[in-house]
Amino acid sequence: MNKKRSPLGKGLHALIPAHAQKQQQAGARVVRCPIGDIVPNSRQPRQSFDTDKLKQLADSVRSQGVLQPLLVRSTKDGKYQIIAGERRWRAAKMAGLQFVPVIVKDLSDAASVEVALIENIQREDLNPLEEAEAYRQLIEEHRLTQAKVAERVGKSRSHVTNLLRLLNLPPAVKKALLEGKLTMGHARALLAISDPNRQKAMADMIVARALSVRQVEQLAAGKKVTQKGASTGRSRKLTANEAALVESLQRSLGTKVELKKGRKGGKLVIEYYTLDQLDYVTGKILGR
């Protein structure tokens, strides 16, 4: 008879043997640990913590205590490294607690990364870029395929593939995504642009003008966009060649371009939203 496998994507319990689960349920492995003996894991998926939310959690911890134990593993120097629960640990430190409940597990590097990733995904705590970096780590350092990663975290392969593409974005764009200034939708729209400088210029514009994902998609495709996000397509007062020129300039410069015709000439208006974007646009025009 074939035995059904219990994928890691179904939860943390899939990484922990049944007998260990029983011990935890009975409280045998839950211990009070001095908070000073606990150290964070530099390889954990989550890289950013919302200060306001952390303060709210600290207030709760101060009055109620840490209700869910941290999952840790012992280190060679007698400390305990966090596998899951760094946010609770940070809140406990902020609240001034001296001890926190922990469950000590003997997990390998690979297993600890998977546990941390799964816990954060289940809590929906990870930023898309953090999740992508965790997938990269599982693939490169633990020799897992994209399909195997998807199976273990309970996601589709296309989800894993799409997130991994975010790692190809320029550092400045990834920083904006990590800080929550850009959404996953914005980032995916930017991936349609091959030039890293244009991607950065477009990201600056998204932040400066609070552009929607639809607006970014239109700009990436070289279409003229109104403030409300509706594509105006070809200007009524422009010829077909002039409208095509405007779209070509927008694609090349990564910003809004307007051609305003008058009786004797006209104006070509190129918008910019940061000094970096201005430098990029002028560099393109001057060919430097």
C-alpha atoms as a PDB file:
ATOM      1  CA  MET A   1       0.000   0.000   0.000  1.00  0.00           C
ATOM      2  CA  ASN A   2       1.352   3.434  -0.955  1.00  0.00           C
ATOM      3  CA  LYS A   3       1.810   5.856   1.890  1.00  0.00           C
ATOM      4  CA  LYS A   4       0.629   9.408   1.378  1.00  0.00           C
ATOM      5  CA  ARG A   5       3.293  12.033   1.876  1.00  0.00           C
ATOM      6  CA  SER A   6       2.611  14.961   4.150  1.00  0.00           C
ATOM      7  CA  PRO A   7       3.981  18.001   2.295  1.00  0.00           C
ATOM      8  CA  LEU A   8       5.717  20.751   4.212  1.00  0.00           C
ATOM      9  CA  GLY A   9       3.246  23.180   2.750  1.00  0.00           C
ATOM     10  CA  LYS A  10       0.554  21.863   5.074  1.00  0.00           C
ATOM     11  CA  GLY A  11       2.239  23.426   8.075  1.00  0.00           C
ATOM     12  CA  LEU A  12       5.064  23.335  10.565  1.00  0.00           C
ATOM     13  CA  HIS A  13       3.887  19.981  11.868  1.00  0.00           C
ATOM     14  CA  ALA A  14       5.053  18.365   8.641  1.00  0.00           C
ATOM     15  CA  LEU A  15       8.657  19.127   9.608  1.00  0.00           C
ATOM     16  CA  ILE A  16       8.315  17.851  13.157  1.00  0.00           C
ATOM     17  CA  PRO A  17       8.051  14.106  13.892  1.00  0.00           C
ATOM     18  CA  ALA A  18       4.840  12.842  15.475  1.00  0.00           C
ATOM     19  CA  HIS A  19       6.510  11.894  18.777  1.00  0.00           C
ATOM     20  CA  ALA A  20       7.939  15.404  19.088  1.00  0.00           C
ATOM     21  CA  GLN A  21       4.509  16.876  18.462  1.00  0.00           C
ATOM     22  CA  LYS A  22       3.126  14.816  21.335  1.00  0.00           C
ATOM     23  CA  GLN A  23       5.903  16.056  23.607  1.00  0.00           C
ATOM     24  CA  GLN A  24       5.134  19.637  22.650  1.00  0.00           C
ATOM     25  CA  GLN A  25       1.424  19.148  23.190  1.00  0.00           C
ATOM     26  CA  ALA A  26       2.166  17.739  26.632  1.00  0.00           C
ATOM     27  CA  GLY A  27       4.401  20.716  27.387  1.00  0.00           C
ATOM     28  CA  ALA A  28       7.518  18.534  27.802  1.00  0.00           C
ATOM     29  CA  ARG A  29       9.638  20.574  25.400  1.00  0.00           C
ATOM     30  CA  VAL A  30       8.375  24.047  26.266  1.00  0.00           C
ATOM     31  CA  VAL A  31      10.872  25.816  28.523  1.00  0.00           C
ATOM     32  CA  ARG A  32      11.374  29.330  29.881  1.00  0.00           C
ATOM     33  CA  CYS A  33      14.498  30.767  28.346  1.00  0.00           C
ATOM     34  CA  PRO A  34      16.361  33.958  29.320  1.00  0.00           C
ATOM     35  CA  ILE A  35      15.721  36.436  26.540  1.00  0.00           C
ATOM     36  CA  GLY A  36      19.412  37.350  26.507  1.00  0.00           C
ATOM     37  CA  ASP A  37      20.326  33.782  25.534  1.00  0.00           C
ATOM     38  CA  ILE A  38      18.291  33.996  22.327  1.00  0.00           C
ATOM     39  CA  VAL A  39      19.834  35.243  19.086  1.00  0.00           C
ATOM     40  CA  PRO A  40      18.147  36.010  15.744  1.00  0.00           C
ATOM     41  CA  ASN A  41      18.880  34.013  12.612  1.00  0.00           C
ATOM     42  CA  SER A  42      20.552  36.161   9.955  1.00  0.00           C
ATOM     43  CA  ARG A  43      19.330  33.720   7.301  1.00  0.00           C
ATOM     44  CA  GLN A  44      15.676  33.913   8.224  1.00  0.00           C
ATOM     45  CA  PRO A  45      13.360  35.007   5.364  1.00  0.00           C
ATOM     46  CA  ARG A  46      11.877  38.064   7.011  1.00  0.00           C
ATOM     47  CA  GLN A  47      14.143  41.096   6.647  1.00  0.00           C
ATOM     48  CA  SER A  48      11.913  44.009   7.680  1.00  0.00           C
ATOM     49  CA  PHE A  49       9.630  44.623  10.648  1.00  0.00           C
ATOM     50  CA  ASP A  50       6.882  47.246  10.811  1.00  0.00           C
ATOM     51  CA  THR A  51       7.762  49.435  13.799  1.00  0.00           C
ATOM     52  CA  ASP A  52       4.176  50.448  14.592  1.00  0.00           C
ATOM     53  CA  LYS A  53       2.900  46.869  14.468  1.00  0.00           C
ATOM     54  CA  LEU A  54       5.843  45.755  16.585  1.00  0.00           C
ATOM     55  CA  LYS A  55       4.931  48.349  19.234  1.00  0.00           C
ATOM     56  CA  GLN A  56       1.328  47.108  19.222  1.00  0.00           C
ATOM     57  CA  LEU A  57       2.522  43.539  19.725  1.00  0.00           C
ATOM     58  CA  ALA A  58       4.853  44.695  22.507  1.00  0.00           C
ATOM     59  CA  ASP A  59       1.892  46.279  24.318  1.00  0.00           C
ATOM     60  CA  SER A  60       0.003  42.987  24.050  1.00  0.00           C
ATOM     61  CA  VAL A  61       3.013  40.978  25.214  1.00  0.00           C
ATOM     62  CA  ARG A  62       3.520  43.336  28.150  1.00  0.00           C
ATOM     63  CA  SER A  63      -0.002  42.640  29.426  1.00  0.00           C
ATOM     64  CA  GLN A  64      -0.595  39.063  28.251  1.00  0.00           C
ATOM     65  CA  GLY A  65       2.891  37.618  27.871  1.00  0.00           C
ATOM     66  CA  VAL A  66       4.147  35.583  24.911  1.00  0.00           C
ATOM     67  CA  LEU A  67       1.277  33.156  24.303  1.00  0.00           C
ATOM     68  CA  GLN A  68       2.922  31.109  21.541  1.00  0.00           C
ATOM     69  CA  PRO A  69       6.418  29.701  22.215  1.00  0.00           C
ATOM     70  CA  LEU A  70       9.314  30.570  19.935  1.00  0.00           C
ATOM     71  CA  LEU A  71      10.862  27.714  17.981  1.00  0.00           C
ATOM     72  CA  VAL A  72      14.648  27.673  18.513  1.00  0.00           C
ATOM     73  CA  ARG A  73      17.681  25.447  18.132  1.00  0.00           C
ATOM     74  CA  SER A  74      20.786  25.353  20.309  1.00  0.00           C
ATOM     75  CA  THR A  75      24.096  26.759  19.056  1.00  0.00           C
ATOM     76  CA  LYS A  76      27.680  25.734  19.777  1.00  0.00           C
ATOM     77  CA  ASP A  77      28.240  28.720  22.054  1.00  0.00           C
ATOM     78  CA  GLY A  78      25.345  27.818  24.341  1.00  0.00           C
ATOM     79  CA  LYS A  79      22.861  30.260  22.844  1.00  0.00           C
ATOM     80  CA  TYR A  80      19.526  29.544  21.163  1.00  0.00           C
ATOM     81  CA  GLN A  81      18.977  30.609  17.564  1.00  0.00           C
ATOM     82  CA  ILE A  82      15.475  31.575  16.478  1.00  0.00           C
ATOM     83  CA  ILE A  83      13.893  29.371  13.833  1.00  0.00           C
ATOM     84  CA  ALA A  84      10.399  30.845  14.031  1.00  0.00           C
ATOM     85  CA  GLY A  85       9.097  33.721  16.124  1.00  0.00           C
ATOM     86  CA  GLU A  86      11.598  36.568  15.744  1.00  0.00           C
ATOM     87  CA  ARG A  87       8.781  39.137  15.742  1.00  0.00           C
ATOM     88  CA  ARG A  88       7.550  37.808  19.106  1.00  0.00           C
ATOM     89  CA  TRP A  89      11.119  37.890  20.443  1.00  0.00           C
ATOM     90  CA  ARG A  90      11.599  41.504  19.327  1.00  0.00           C
ATOM     91  CA  ALA A  91       8.280  42.491  20.905  1.00  0.00           C
ATOM     92  CA  ALA A  92       9.206  40.710  24.152  1.00  0.00           C
ATOM     93  CA  LYS A  93      12.511  42.612  24.300  1.00  0.00           C
ATOM     94  CA  MET A  94      10.674  45.861  23.623  1.00  0.00           C
ATOM     95  CA  ALA A  95       8.204  45.011  26.411  1.00  0.00           C
ATOM     96  CA  GLY A  96      11.051  44.392  28.863  1.00  0.00           C
ATOM     97  CA  LEU A  97      10.449  40.663  29.439  1.00  0.00           C
ATOM     98  CA  GLN A  98      13.316  38.689  30.974  1.00  0.00           C
ATOM     99  CA  PHE A  99      12.119  35.219  29.935  1.00  0.00           C
ATOM    100  CA  VAL A 100      10.125  33.839  27.005  1.00  0.00           C
ATOM    101  CA  PRO A 101       8.697  30.363  26.326  1.00  0.00           C
ATOM    102  CA  VAL A 102      10.586  28.378  23.698  1.00  0.00           C
ATOM    103  CA  ILE A 103      10.504  24.962  22.074  1.00  0.00           C
ATOM    104  CA  VAL A 104      14.011  23.620  21.437  1.00  0.00           C
ATOM    105  CA  LYS A 105      14.351  21.571  18.253  1.00  0.00           C
ATOM    106  CA  ASP A 106      17.310  19.848  16.639  1.00  0.00           C
ATOM    107  CA  LEU A 107      16.882  20.949  13.019  1.00  0.00           C
ATOM    108  CA  SER A 108      19.364  21.169  10.152  1.00  0.00           C
ATOM    109  CA  ASP A 109      20.096  24.440   8.355  1.00  0.00           C
ATOM    110  CA  ALA A 110      17.824  23.410   5.479  1.00  0.00           C
ATOM    111  CA  ALA A 111      14.959  22.391   7.740  1.00  0.00           C
ATOM    112  CA  SER A 112      15.220  25.563   9.826  1.00  0.00           C
ATOM    113  CA  VAL A 113      15.022  27.733   6.696  1.00  0.00           C
ATOM    114  CA  GLU A 114      11.968  25.810   5.513  1.00  0.00           C
ATOM    115  CA  VAL A 115      10.239  26.122   8.891  1.00  0.00           C
ATOM    116  CA  ALA A 116      10.892  29.871   9.028  1.00  0.00           C
ATOM    117  CA  LEU A 117       9.652  30.312   5.470  1.00  0.00           C
ATOM    118  CA  ILE A 118       6.501  28.274   5.986  1.00  0.00           C
ATOM    119  CA  GLU A 119       5.612  30.004   9.248  1.00  0.00           C
ATOM    120  CA  ASN A 120       5.929  33.438   7.679  1.00  0.00           C
ATOM    121  CA  ILE A 121       3.987  32.436   4.562  1.00  0.00           C
ATOM    122  CA  GLN A 122       1.180  30.983   6.656  1.00  0.00           C
ATOM    123  CA  ARG A 123       1.034  34.199   8.661  1.00  0.00           C
ATOM    124  CA  GLU A 124       1.301  36.222   5.421  1.00  0.00           C
ATOM    125  CA  ASP A 125       4.138  38.153   7.064  1.00  0.00           C
ATOM    126  CA  LEU A 126       6.649  38.071   4.212  1.00  0.00           C
ATOM    127  CA  ASN A 127       7.140  40.849   1.701  1.00  0.00           C
ATOM    128  CA  PRO A 128       7.172  39.424  -1.892  1.00  0.00           C
ATOM    129  CA  LEU A 129      10.899  40.131  -2.173  1.00  0.00           C
ATOM    130  CA  GLU A 130      11.632  38.403   1.136  1.00  0.00           C
ATOM    131  CA  GLU A 131       9.646  35.396  -0.026  1.00  0.00           C
ATOM    132  CA  ALA A 132      11.534  35.370  -3.338  1.00  0.00           C
ATOM    133  CA  GLU A 133      14.891  35.519  -1.554  1.00  0.00           C
ATOM    134  CA  ALA A 134      13.875  32.596   0.660  1.00  0.00           C
ATOM    135  CA  TYR A 135      12.957  30.560  -2.426  1.00  0.00           C
ATOM    136  CA  ARG A 136      16.325  31.413  -3.988  1.00  0.00           C
ATOM    137  CA  GLN A 137      18.064  30.267  -0.834  1.00  0.00           C
ATOM    138  CA  LEU A 138      16.229  26.947  -0.830  1.00  0.00           C
ATOM    139  CA  ILE A 139      17.045  26.387  -4.506  1.00  0.00           C
ATOM    140  CA  GLU A 140      20.703  27.423  -4.526  1.00  0.00           C
ATOM    141  CA  GLU A 141      21.866  26.332  -1.096  1.00  0.00           C
ATOM    142  CA  HIS A 142      19.740  23.239  -0.587  1.00  0.00           C
ATOM    143  CA  ARG A 143      19.584  22.034  -4.198  1.00  0.00           C
ATOM    144  CA  LEU A 144      15.827  22.067  -4.565  1.00  0.00           C
ATOM    145  CA  THR A 145      14.046  22.576  -7.875  1.00  0.00           C
ATOM    146  CA  GLN A 146      11.347  25.215  -8.295  1.00  0.00           C
ATOM    147  CA  ALA A 147       8.779  22.423  -8.449  1.00  0.00           C
ATOM    148  CA  LYS A 148      10.056  20.908  -5.199  1.00  0.00           C
ATOM    149  CA  VAL A 149      10.059  24.295  -3.456  1.00  0.00           C
ATOM    150  CA  ALA A 150       6.481  24.895  -4.603  1.00  0.00           C
ATOM    151  CA  GLU A 151       5.442  21.497  -3.259  1.00  0.00           C
ATOM    152  CA  ARG A 152       7.079  22.049   0.109  1.00  0.00           C
ATOM    153  CA  VAL A 153       5.601  25.478   0.764  1.00  0.00           C
ATOM    154  CA  GLY A 154       2.154  24.665  -0.628  1.00  0.00           C
ATOM    155  CA  LYS A 155       2.280  27.130  -3.526  1.00  0.00           C
ATOM    156  CA  SER A 156       1.952  26.719  -7.287  1.00  0.00           C
ATOM    157  CA  ARG A 157       5.115  26.479  -9.371  1.00  0.00           C
ATOM    158  CA  SER A 158       4.091  29.590 -11.329  1.00  0.00           C
ATOM    159  CA  HIS A 159       3.842  31.522  -8.045  1.00  0.00           C
ATOM    160  CA  VAL A 160       7.401  30.546  -7.142  1.00  0.00           C
ATOM    161  CA  THR A 161       8.658  31.330 -10.660  1.00  0.00           C
ATOM    162  CA  ASN A 162       7.023  34.767 -10.747  1.00  0.00           C
ATOM    163  CA  LEU A 163       8.440  35.717  -7.360  1.00  0.00           C
ATOM    164  CA  LEU A 164      11.950  34.608  -8.305  1.00  0.00           C
ATOM    165  CA  ARG A 165      11.826  37.018 -11.268  1.00  0.00           C
ATOM    166  CA  LEU A 166      11.656  39.896  -8.769  1.00  0.00           C
ATOM    167  CA  LEU A 167      15.277  39.201  -7.855  1.00  0.00           C
ATOM    168  CA  ASN A 168      16.276  40.444 -11.329  1.00  0.00           C
ATOM    169  CA  LEU A 169      15.070  43.979 -10.560  1.00  0.00           C
ATOM    170  CA  PRO A 170      17.660  46.733  -9.867  1.00  0.00           C
ATOM    171  CA  PRO A 171      18.698  47.171  -6.206  1.00  0.00           C
ATOM    172  CA  ALA A 172      16.888  50.518  -5.852  1.00  0.00           C
ATOM    173  CA  VAL A 173      13.639  48.999  -7.126  1.00  0.00           C
ATOM    174  CA  LYS A 174      13.981  45.985  -4.820  1.00  0.00           C
ATOM    175  CA  LYS A 175      14.565  48.354  -1.904  1.00  0.00           C
ATOM    176  CA  ALA A 176      11.323  50.212  -2.712  1.00  0.00           C
ATOM    177  CA  LEU A 177       9.471  46.888  -2.909  1.00  0.00           C
ATOM    178  CA  LEU A 178      10.945  45.739   0.403  1.00  0.00           C
ATOM    179  CA  GLU A 179       9.896  49.012   2.053  1.00  0.00           C
ATOM    180  CA  GLY A 180       6.337  48.633   0.760  1.00  0.00           C
ATOM    181  CA  LYS A 181       6.537  51.634  -1.572  1.00  0.00           C
ATOM    182  CA  LEU A 182       5.835  49.332  -4.526  1.00  0.00           C
ATOM    183  CA  THR A 183       3.391  46.436  -4.674  1.00  0.00           C
ATOM    184  CA  MET A 184       3.863  43.034  -6.246  1.00  0.00           C
ATOM    185  CA  GLY A 185       1.676  44.238  -9.137  1.00  0.00           C
ATOM    186  CA  HIS A 186       3.921  47.246  -9.703  1.00  0.00           C
ATOM    187  CA  ALA A 187       7.007  45.043  -9.675  1.00  0.00           C
ATOM    188  CA  ARG A 188       5.551  42.589 -12.184  1.00  0.00           C
ATOM    189  CA  ALA A 189       4.683  45.476 -14.508  1.00  0.00           C
ATOM    190  CA  LEU A 190       8.252  46.774 -14.238  1.00  0.00           C
ATOM    191  CA  LEU A 191       9.595  43.364 -15.263  1.00  0.00           C
ATOM    192  CA  ALA A 192       8.115  44.016 -18.715  1.00  0.00           C
ATOM    193  CA  ILE A 193      10.817  46.692 -19.134  1.00  0.00           C
ATOM    194  CA  SER A 194      14.228  45.285 -20.072  1.00  0.00           C
ATOM    195  CA  ASP A 195      16.364  48.359 -19.302  1.00  0.00           C
ATOM    196  CA  PRO A 196      17.302  48.541 -15.568  1.00  0.00           C
ATOM    197  CA  ASN A 197      17.651  52.336 -15.750  1.00  0.00           C
ATOM    198  CA  ARG A 198      14.142  52.644 -17.157  1.00  0.00           C
ATOM    199  CA  GLN A 199      12.871  50.311 -14.453  1.00  0.00           C
ATOM    200  CA  LYS A 200      14.356  52.567 -11.773  1.00  0.00           C
ATOM    201  CA  ALA A 201      13.023  55.726 -13.442  1.00  0.00           C
ATOM    202  CA  MET A 202       9.572  54.172 -13.657  1.00  0.00           C
ATOM    203  CA  ALA A 203       9.731  53.080 -10.013  1.00  0.00           C
ATOM    204  CA  ASP A 204      10.557  56.658  -9.001  1.00  0.00           C
ATOM    205  CA  MET A 205       7.533  57.827 -10.978  1.00  0.00           C
ATOM    206  CA  ILE A 206       5.273  55.248  -9.304  1.00  0.00           C
ATOM    207  CA  VAL A 207       6.249  56.513  -5.863  1.00  0.00           C
ATOM    208  CA  ALA A 208       6.092  60.212  -6.786  1.00  0.00           C
ATOM    209  CA  ARG A 209       2.715  60.046  -8.534  1.00  0.00           C
ATOM    210  CA  ALA A 210       1.153  57.110  -6.644  1.00  0.00           C
ATOM    211  CA  LEU A 211       0.520  55.363  -9.955  1.00  0.00           C
ATOM    212  CA  SER A 212      -1.756  52.345 -10.124  1.00  0.00           C
ATOM    213  CA  VAL A 213      -0.615  49.020 -11.536  1.00  0.00           C
ATOM    214  CA  ARG A 214      -2.740  49.677 -14.627  1.00  0.00           C
ATOM    215  CA  GLN A 215      -1.012  53.016 -15.205  1.00  0.00           C
ATOM    216  CA  VAL A 216       2.398  51.379 -14.955  1.00  0.00           C
ATOM    217  CA  GLU A 217       1.374  48.676 -17.420  1.00  0.00           C
ATOM    218  CA  GLN A 218       0.277  51.362 -19.871  1.00  0.00           C
ATOM    219  CA  LEU A 219       3.504  53.338 -19.514  1.00  0.00           C
ATOM    220  CA  ALA A 220       5.587  50.179 -19.858  1.00  0.00           C
ATOM    221  CA  ALA A 221       3.758  49.513 -23.126  1.00  0.00           C
ATOM    222  CA  GLY A 222       4.530  53.043 -24.317  1.00  0.00           C
ATOM    223  CA  LYS A 223       0.979  54.363 -24.066  1.00  0.00           C
ATOM    224  CA  LYS A 224       0.015  57.832 -22.903  1.00  0.00           C
ATOM    225  CA  VAL A 225      -1.624  57.794 -19.481  1.00  0.00           C
ATOM    226  CA  THR A 226      -3.938  60.279 -17.815  1.00  0.00           C
ATOM    227  CA  GLN A 227      -3.807  60.983 -14.073  1.00  0.00           C
ATOM    228  CA  LYS A 228      -6.827  58.724 -13.592  1.00  0.00           C
ATOM    229  CA  GLY A 229      -5.073  55.927 -15.383  1.00  0.00           C
ATOM    230  CA  ALA A 230      -7.115  55.883 -18.567  1.00  0.00           C
ATOM    231  CA  SER A 231      -5.073  55.414 -21.724  1.00  0.00           C
ATOM    232  CA  THR A 232      -5.716  58.293 -24.065  1.00  0.00           C
ATOM    233  CA  GLY A 233      -4.121  56.467 -26.957  1.00  0.00           C
ATOM    234  CA  ARG A 234      -3.529  58.800 -29.890  1.00  0.00           C
ATOM    235  CA  SER A 235      -3.982  62.512 -29.249  1.00  0.00           C
ATOM    236  CA  ARG A 236      -6.832  64.089 -31.219  1.00  0.00           C
ATOM    237  CA  LYS A 237      -4.600  66.959 -32.314  1.00  0.00           C
ATOM    238  CA  LEU A 238      -1.609  64.822 -33.264  1.00  0.00           C
ATOM    239  CA  THR A 239      -0.983  63.100 -36.540  1.00  0.00           C
ATOM    240  CA  ALA A 240      -0.348  59.372 -36.568  1.00  0.00           C
ATOM    241  CA  ASN A 241       3.400  59.948 -36.928  1.00  0.00           C
ATOM    242  CA  GLU A 242       3.440  62.452 -34.060  1.00  0.00           C
ATOM    243  CA  ALA A 243       1.492  60.136 -31.759  1.00  0.00           C
ATOM    244  CA  ALA A 244       3.874  57.296 -32.628  1.00  0.00           C
ATOM    245  CA  LEU A 245       6.814  59.576 -31.812  1.00  0.00           C
ATOM    246  CA  VAL A 246       5.358  60.377 -28.373  1.00  0.00           C
ATOM    247  CA  GLU A 247       4.839  56.688 -27.587  1.00  0.00           C
ATOM    248  CA  SER A 248       8.372  55.889 -28.735  1.00  0.00           C
ATOM    249  CA  LEU A 249       9.818  58.611 -26.490  1.00  0.00           C
ATOM    250  CA  GLN A 250       7.819  57.366 -23.495  1.00  0.00           C
ATOM    251  CA  ARG A 251       9.097  53.835 -24.030  1.00  0.00           C
ATOM    252  CA  SER A 252      12.677  55.052 -24.334  1.00  0.00           C
ATOM    253  CA  LEU A 253      12.664  57.544 -21.453  1.00  0.00           C
ATOM    254  CA  GLY A 254      10.354  55.684 -19.069  1.00  0.00           C
ATOM    255  CA  THR A 255       8.303  58.754 -18.233  1.00  0.00           C
ATOM    256  CA  LYS A 256       5.324  60.791 -19.413  1.00  0.00           C
ATOM    257  CA  VAL A 257       5.911  62.790 -22.608  1.00  0.00           C
ATOM    258  CA  GLU A 258       3.555  65.350 -24.149  1.00  0.00           C
ATOM    259  CA  LEU A 259       3.713  67.034 -27.550  1.00  0.00           C
ATOM    260  CA  LYS A 260       1.759  70.297 -27.484  1.00  0.00           C
ATOM    261  CA  LYS A 261       1.165  71.767 -30.921  1.00  0.00           C
ATOM    262  CA  GLY A 262       0.702  75.470 -31.574  1.00  0.00           C
ATOM    263  CA  ARG A 263       0.102  77.532 -34.688  1.00  0.00           C
ATOM    264  CA  LYS A 264       3.812  78.077 -35.234  1.00  0.00           C
ATOM    265  CA  GLY A 265       5.600  75.182 -33.615  1.00  0.00           C
ATOM    266  CA  GLY A 266       4.887  73.680 -30.214  1.00  0.00           C
ATOM    267  CA  LYS A 267       6.316  72.231 -27.009  1.00  0.00           C
ATOM    268  CA  LEU A 268       7.744  68.843 -26.138  1.00  0.00           C
ATOM    269  CA  VAL A 269       7.179  68.284 -22.400  1.00  0.00           C
ATOM    270  CA  ILE A 270       9.122  65.536 -20.621  1.00  0.00           C
ATOM    271  CA  GLU A 271       8.175  64.979 -16.985  1.00  0.00           C
ATOM    272  CA  TYR A 272      10.541  63.836 -14.223  1.00  0.00           C
ATOM    273  CA  TYR A 273       9.906  63.151 -10.545  1.00  0.00           C
ATOM    274  CA  THR A 274      13.326  62.748  -8.943  1.00  0.00           C
ATOM    275  CA  LEU A 275      16.818  64.103  -9.612  1.00  0.00           C
ATOM    276  CA  ASP A 276      17.976  60.595 -10.485  1.00  0.00           C
ATOM    277  CA  GLN A 277      15.249  60.356 -13.101  1.00  0.00           C
ATOM    278  CA  LEU A 278      16.215  63.773 -14.502  1.00  0.00           C
ATOM    279  CA  ASP A 279      19.817  62.612 -14.772  1.00  0.00           C
ATOM    280  CA  TYR A 280      18.686  59.450 -16.553  1.00  0.00           C
ATOM    281  CA  VAL A 281      16.460  61.327 -19.019  1.00  0.00           C
ATOM    282  CA  THR A 282      19.096  63.937 -19.856  1.00  0.00           C
ATOM    283  CA  GLY A 283      21.675  61.190 -20.204  1.00  0.00           C
ATOM    284  CA  LYS A 284      19.486  59.426 -22.763  1.00  0.00           C
ATOM    285  CA  ILE A 285      18.929  62.652 -24.686  1.00  0.00           C
ATOM    286  CA  LEU A 286      22.595  63.677 -24.648  1.00  0.00           C
ATOM    287  CA  GLY A 287      23.777  60.149 -25.374  1.00  0.00           C
ATOM    288  CA  ARG A 288      26.035  59.805 -22.364  1.00  0.00           C
END
